[in-house]
Protein backbone atom coordinates (compact mmCIF):
# COMPACT_ATOMS: atom_id res chain seq x y z
CA UNK A 1 -7.82 55.29 23.04
CA UNK A 2 -7.59 59.32 23.11
CA UNK A 3 -7.38 60.49 19.56
CA UNK A 4 -6.83 64.08 18.90
CA UNK A 5 -8.65 64.18 15.49
CA UNK A 6 -12.45 65.03 15.94
CA UNK A 7 -14.78 62.10 15.00
CA UNK A 8 -15.86 64.00 11.61
CA UNK A 9 -12.38 64.23 10.64
CA UNK A 10 -11.51 60.73 11.47
CA UNK A 11 -14.56 59.53 9.82
CA UNK A 12 -13.65 61.39 6.60
CA UNK A 13 -10.22 59.33 6.59
CA UNK A 14 -11.98 56.03 7.41
CA UNK A 15 -14.92 56.19 4.82
CA UNK A 16 -12.69 56.64 1.94
CA UNK A 17 -12.02 52.77 2.24
CA UNK A 18 -15.71 52.26 1.37
CA UNK A 19 -16.90 52.00 -2.10
CA UNK A 20 -20.27 53.85 -3.54
CA UNK A 21 -22.57 51.04 -2.86
CA UNK A 22 -21.10 50.62 0.68
CA UNK A 23 -21.67 54.57 1.32
CA UNK A 24 -25.25 54.24 -0.09
CA UNK A 25 -25.92 51.58 2.17
CA UNK A 26 -24.68 53.77 5.20
CA UNK A 27 -27.37 56.30 3.97
CA UNK A 28 -30.24 53.84 3.94
CA UNK A 29 -28.87 52.53 7.42
CA UNK A 30 -29.04 56.07 8.91
CA UNK A 31 -32.09 57.33 6.94
CA UNK A 32 -30.48 59.70 5.02
CA UNK A 33 -32.39 61.07 2.40
CA UNK A 34 -31.47 62.49 -1.09
CA UNK A 35 -28.09 60.58 -1.62
CA UNK A 36 -28.73 59.08 -4.90
CA UNK A 37 -27.82 62.22 -6.93
CA UNK A 38 -24.32 62.33 -5.49
CA UNK A 39 -21.10 60.91 -6.88
CA UNK A 40 -18.74 58.60 -4.93
CA UNK A 41 -16.44 61.61 -4.25
CA UNK A 42 -19.12 63.73 -2.77
CA UNK A 43 -21.03 60.91 -0.74
CA UNK A 44 -18.49 61.09 1.87
CA UNK A 45 -18.96 64.99 2.72
CA UNK A 46 -23.03 64.35 2.29
CA UNK A 47 -23.13 61.67 4.75
CA UNK A 48 -21.09 63.40 7.50
CA UNK A 49 -22.86 66.83 7.19
CA UNK A 50 -26.36 64.85 7.45
CA UNK A 51 -25.35 63.30 10.89
CA UNK A 52 -25.63 64.46 14.23
CA UNK A 53 -22.67 64.30 16.66
CA UNK A 54 -23.98 60.83 18.33
CA UNK A 55 -24.77 59.55 15.00
CA UNK A 56 -21.16 60.03 14.17
CA UNK A 57 -20.26 58.21 17.22
CA UNK A 58 -22.44 55.36 16.15
CA UNK A 59 -20.94 55.26 12.85
CA UNK A 60 -17.51 55.19 14.10
CA UNK A 61 -18.39 52.42 16.41
CA UNK A 62 -19.99 50.41 13.66
CA UNK A 63 -17.26 50.71 10.89
CA UNK A 64 -13.76 51.55 12.44
CA UNK A 65 -12.76 48.23 13.33
CA UNK A 66 -13.77 46.38 10.28
CA UNK A 67 -12.46 49.08 7.77
CA UNK A 68 -8.91 49.46 9.45
CA UNK A 69 -8.67 45.48 9.69
CA UNK A 70 -9.48 45.24 6.26
CA UNK A 71 -6.99 47.32 4.95
CA UNK A 72 -4.39 45.82 7.34
CA UNK A 73 -5.02 42.37 6.09
CA UNK A 74 -4.45 43.55 2.71
CA UNK A 75 -1.25 45.33 3.42
CA UNK A 76 -0.06 41.94 5.06
CA UNK A 77 -1.09 40.10 1.92
CA UNK A 78 1.09 42.52 0.14
CA UNK A 79 3.93 41.67 2.50
CA UNK A 80 3.46 38.18 1.94
CA UNK A 81 3.49 38.24 -1.83
CA UNK A 82 -0.25 37.04 -1.74
CA UNK A 83 -2.09 40.09 -2.99
CA UNK A 84 -2.56 41.27 -6.63
CA UNK A 85 -0.39 44.13 -6.24
CA UNK A 86 3.39 43.80 -5.13
CA UNK A 87 5.87 46.10 -3.00
CA UNK A 88 8.41 46.78 -5.40
CA UNK A 89 10.52 49.20 -3.26
CA UNK A 90 10.71 50.76 0.02
CA UNK A 91 13.24 53.62 0.75
CA UNK A 92 14.28 55.60 3.56
CA UNK A 93 14.51 59.35 2.17
CA UNK A 94 15.13 61.16 5.51
CA UNK A 95 16.12 58.42 8.35
CA UNK A 96 15.81 61.58 10.70
CA UNK A 97 12.57 62.60 9.91
CA UNK A 98 11.23 58.91 9.43
CA UNK A 99 10.49 59.80 6.05
CA UNK A 100 9.84 56.50 3.73
CA UNK A 101 8.93 56.10 -0.02
CA UNK A 102 7.02 53.32 -1.19
CA UNK A 103 6.33 51.78 -4.78
CA UNK A 104 3.81 49.17 -5.52
CA UNK A 105 3.23 47.72 -9.01
CA UNK A 106 -0.06 45.54 -10.14
CA UNK A 107 -1.24 44.14 -13.46
CA UNK A 108 -1.42 47.18 -15.25
CA UNK A 109 -0.58 49.98 -12.98
CA UNK A 110 1.64 51.69 -10.40
CA UNK A 111 1.29 53.19 -7.26
CA UNK A 112 3.61 55.62 -5.02
CA UNK A 113 3.26 56.13 -1.34
CA UNK A 114 4.98 58.54 1.48
CA UNK A 115 4.70 58.26 5.06
CA UNK A 116 6.38 60.00 8.21
CA UNK A 117 5.75 59.11 11.62
CA UNK A 118 7.40 61.22 14.12
CA UNK A 119 6.89 62.33 17.67
CA UNK A 120 5.23 65.50 16.66
CA UNK A 121 2.78 63.94 14.06
CA UNK A 122 1.76 60.63 15.56
CA UNK A 123 -1.81 61.71 16.39
CA UNK A 124 -2.11 62.42 12.56
CA UNK A 125 0.91 61.43 10.46
CA UNK A 126 2.26 63.11 7.43
CA UNK A 127 1.46 61.04 4.51
CA UNK A 128 0.26 60.87 0.91
CA UNK A 129 -0.58 57.95 -1.61
CA UNK A 130 -1.80 58.62 -5.18
CA UNK A 131 -4.27 55.31 -4.81
CA UNK A 132 -8.03 56.39 -4.54
CA UNK A 133 -8.07 55.94 -0.69
CA UNK A 134 -4.78 57.38 0.05
CA UNK A 135 -5.15 60.37 -2.30
CA UNK A 136 -8.09 61.41 0.06
CA UNK A 137 -6.05 61.00 3.33
CA UNK A 138 -7.71 57.68 3.81
CA UNK A 139 -5.75 55.00 5.44
CA UNK A 140 -4.99 52.87 2.72
CA UNK A 141 -3.40 49.51 2.65
CA UNK A 142 -0.39 51.29 1.20
CA UNK A 143 -0.22 53.25 4.52
CA UNK A 144 -0.46 50.35 6.62
CA UNK A 145 2.74 48.76 4.74
CA UNK A 146 4.55 51.86 5.62
CA UNK A 147 3.08 51.81 8.89
CA UNK A 148 4.52 48.39 9.88
CA UNK A 149 7.94 49.33 8.05
CA UNK A 150 8.18 52.19 10.14
CA UNK A 151 7.32 50.16 13.51
CA UNK A 152 10.12 47.72 12.42
CA UNK A 153 12.42 50.77 12.00
CA UNK A 154 11.65 51.72 15.67
CA UNK A 155 10.73 55.02 14.20
CA UNK A 156 7.71 54.74 17.09
CA UNK A 157 6.43 52.57 19.69
CA UNK A 158 3.18 50.77 19.16
CA UNK A 159 1.96 51.81 22.66
CA UNK A 160 2.29 55.48 21.46
CA UNK A 161 -0.28 54.98 18.42
CA UNK A 162 -3.67 56.52 19.36
CA UNK A 163 -4.88 57.78 15.80
CA UNK A 164 -6.58 54.59 15.11
CA UNK A 165 -7.88 51.37 16.66
CA UNK A 166 -5.85 48.13 15.98
CA UNK A 167 -7.17 44.79 15.72
CA UNK A 168 -6.40 42.74 18.92
CA UNK A 169 -4.17 40.33 16.95
CA UNK A 170 -2.49 43.24 15.26
CA UNK A 171 1.11 42.31 17.22
CA UNK A 172 0.47 38.68 16.70
CA UNK A 173 0.30 39.18 13.04
CA UNK A 174 3.45 41.37 12.45
CA UNK A 175 5.55 39.52 15.09
CA UNK A 176 7.42 37.56 12.56
CA UNK A 177 7.62 40.43 9.77
CA UNK A 178 11.36 41.70 9.62
CA UNK A 179 13.20 44.11 7.64
CA UNK A 180 15.83 42.48 5.36
CA UNK A 181 17.95 44.05 2.61
CA UNK A 182 15.38 47.08 2.93
CA UNK A 183 12.35 44.77 2.07
CA UNK A 184 9.67 43.51 4.46
CA UNK A 185 9.76 39.96 4.99
CA UNK A 186 7.21 37.92 7.02
CA UNK A 187 9.10 34.80 8.29
CA UNK A 188 5.86 33.23 9.43
CA UNK A 189 4.30 33.28 5.98
CA UNK A 190 4.81 30.46 3.82
CA UNK A 191 5.13 32.57 0.57
CA UNK A 192 8.29 34.25 2.30
CA UNK A 193 9.90 30.87 2.15
CA UNK A 194 9.64 30.56 -1.65
CA UNK A 195 10.34 34.24 -2.11
CA UNK A 196 14.00 33.98 -1.13
CA UNK A 197 14.55 31.44 -4.18
CA UNK A 198 14.84 31.86 -7.81
CA UNK A 199 14.49 27.98 -8.07
CA UNK A 200 13.85 25.22 -5.73
CA UNK A 201 13.89 21.40 -5.80
CA UNK A 202 10.81 19.77 -4.37
CA UNK A 203 12.26 16.60 -2.52
CA UNK A 204 8.64 15.28 -1.89
CA UNK A 205 5.08 16.36 -2.21
CA UNK A 206 1.84 15.01 -2.60
CA UNK A 207 -0.65 15.65 -5.53
CA UNK A 208 -4.05 16.85 -4.06
CA UNK A 209 -5.57 18.13 -7.41
CA UNK A 210 -5.04 18.29 -11.07
CA UNK A 211 -6.64 20.70 -13.38
CA UNK A 212 -6.27 20.60 -17.28
CA UNK A 213 -5.95 24.25 -18.45
CA UNK A 214 -5.65 26.15 -21.95
CA UNK A 215 -3.71 29.48 -22.41
CA UNK A 216 -4.75 31.59 -25.43
CA UNK A 217 -1.97 33.84 -26.41
CA UNK A 218 -2.48 35.71 -29.81
CA UNK A 219 -4.58 32.89 -31.06
CA UNK A 220 -2.16 30.02 -29.95
CA UNK A 221 -3.80 27.50 -27.53
CA UNK A 222 -1.35 26.05 -25.29
CA UNK A 223 -2.81 23.30 -23.10
CA UNK A 224 -0.97 22.95 -19.61
CA UNK A 225 -1.77 21.63 -16.16
CA UNK A 226 -2.15 23.11 -12.63
CA UNK A 227 -1.11 20.77 -10.00
CA UNK A 228 -1.82 21.41 -6.32
CA UNK A 229 0.42 19.55 -3.96
CA UNK A 230 0.44 19.35 -0.17
CA UNK A 231 2.93 18.29 2.68
CA UNK A 232 5.94 20.01 0.62
CA UNK A 233 9.67 19.48 1.52
CA UNK A 234 11.76 21.70 -0.58
CA UNK A 235 15.44 23.39 -0.83
CA UNK A 236 17.14 25.63 -3.20
CA UNK A 237 17.77 23.87 -6.50
CA UNK A 238 21.50 22.98 -6.24
CA UNK A 239 23.91 22.83 -8.82
CA UNK A 240 25.54 19.73 -7.70
CA UNK A 241 24.46 16.97 -5.26
CA UNK A 242 27.37 17.48 -2.80
CA UNK A 243 25.96 21.12 -2.06
CA UNK A 244 22.89 19.26 -0.20
CA UNK A 245 22.59 20.26 3.37
CA UNK A 246 19.63 18.76 5.26
CA UNK A 247 19.61 21.85 7.49
CA UNK A 248 18.56 23.65 4.21
CA UNK A 249 15.29 21.67 3.77
CA UNK A 250 11.96 23.52 4.59
CA UNK A 251 8.37 22.68 4.54
CA UNK A 252 5.05 23.96 3.04
CA UNK A 253 1.40 23.08 3.56
CA UNK A 254 0.38 23.78 -0.22
CA UNK A 255 1.96 24.79 -3.52
CA UNK A 256 0.73 24.90 -6.84
CA UNK A 257 2.78 24.23 -9.82
CA UNK A 258 2.16 24.67 -13.62
CA UNK A 259 3.24 21.55 -15.91
CA UNK A 260 3.60 21.39 -19.71
CA UNK A 261 1.37 18.82 -21.52
CA UNK A 262 4.42 17.13 -22.66
CA UNK A 263 5.81 16.64 -19.15
CA UNK A 264 2.65 15.79 -17.60
CA UNK A 265 1.81 13.07 -20.41
CA UNK A 266 5.15 11.52 -19.63
CA UNK A 267 3.78 9.61 -16.79
CA UNK A 268 0.34 8.87 -15.87
CA UNK A 269 0.09 11.04 -12.48
CA UNK A 270 -3.10 10.64 -10.34
CA UNK A 271 -4.17 11.93 -6.86
CA UNK A 272 -2.14 10.71 -4.02
CA UNK A 273 1.22 10.14 -5.76
CA UNK A 274 4.22 11.33 -4.29
CA UNK A 275 6.52 13.22 -6.53
CA UNK A 276 9.68 15.18 -6.95
CA UNK A 277 10.69 18.08 -9.27
CA UNK A 278 12.41 21.09 -9.71
CA UNK A 279 11.01 24.57 -10.70
CA UNK A 280 11.29 28.55 -10.91
CA UNK A 281 9.70 30.46 -8.37
CA UNK A 282 7.09 32.78 -9.86
CA UNK A 283 4.60 35.19 -8.53
CA UNK A 284 1.35 34.89 -10.67
CA UNK A 285 -1.18 37.82 -9.85
CA UNK A 286 -3.92 35.56 -9.80
CA UNK A 287 -2.63 32.61 -7.79
CA UNK A 288 0.50 34.05 -5.81
CA UNK A 289 3.67 32.07 -5.47
CA UNK A 290 3.76 29.28 -7.23
CA UNK A 291 6.16 26.95 -9.46
CA UNK A 292 6.68 27.39 -13.21
CA UNK A 293 9.42 26.43 -15.73
CA UNK A 294 9.39 22.97 -14.09
CA UNK A 295 11.96 20.19 -14.87
CA UNK A 296 12.53 16.63 -13.77
CA UNK A 297 8.86 16.26 -12.66
CA UNK A 298 8.29 12.70 -11.65
CA UNK A 299 6.97 9.96 -9.21
CA UNK A 300 8.78 9.71 -5.97
């Protein structure tokens, strides 16, 4: 791989992905003294200024693959709807210049990102992000969401990408990701099957775990049950039985559902029971896609 960016500049981008403890450990590994007085924002420059050219190459060889893979994996989790942060919008603002804007939402924060990959800038793409990593020109996970979107828009060929290394299985990981209605959908991810629906009918599934939980909202304690299912056969919830089509049935390996105490107590459910139910598809910030507002939960 032939990069046009020099090693020191490239490492300045890469090391933004590491936290303060990781950077301090690098100082210990390379026997760099005097690092304890520096803040996180100053450590990257201090490390790079302290290393000789050969040490920079060693550092790059040691860290590049892990850092890039970690950020790409987080990006794919976002696309799959499995991350604590959701993709809320991807917008092409200038198709000619391949300019895209991306918006993300966490539990109590928002992030915005910008990317343009063209033949002229492919060796160091024009990018901006307001996250900690991206605001310092790092290759953050938001960048990689934009990278995958740009790739699927045919804004560049993967064979022309020389700026960073990519995981050996990168093409396999993104093979089933498509653009649909302006959004990235991973057709190979189980979560994407759920994300297509507002409510579904579980025609058959087996209970593998039952957890009693409590929810405390403003002093009001609510008991509920978190049920884990396996071998799920499901389809969109229908308004009438005559709308049923066998070809609409899809399969999931695992699914979690939230069940009210009243509904759970209506029958004595146990591990191994085969069940059927209806439920609303919901993206929980901790558990990912699951079913809530469950009705007609009963043994099959």
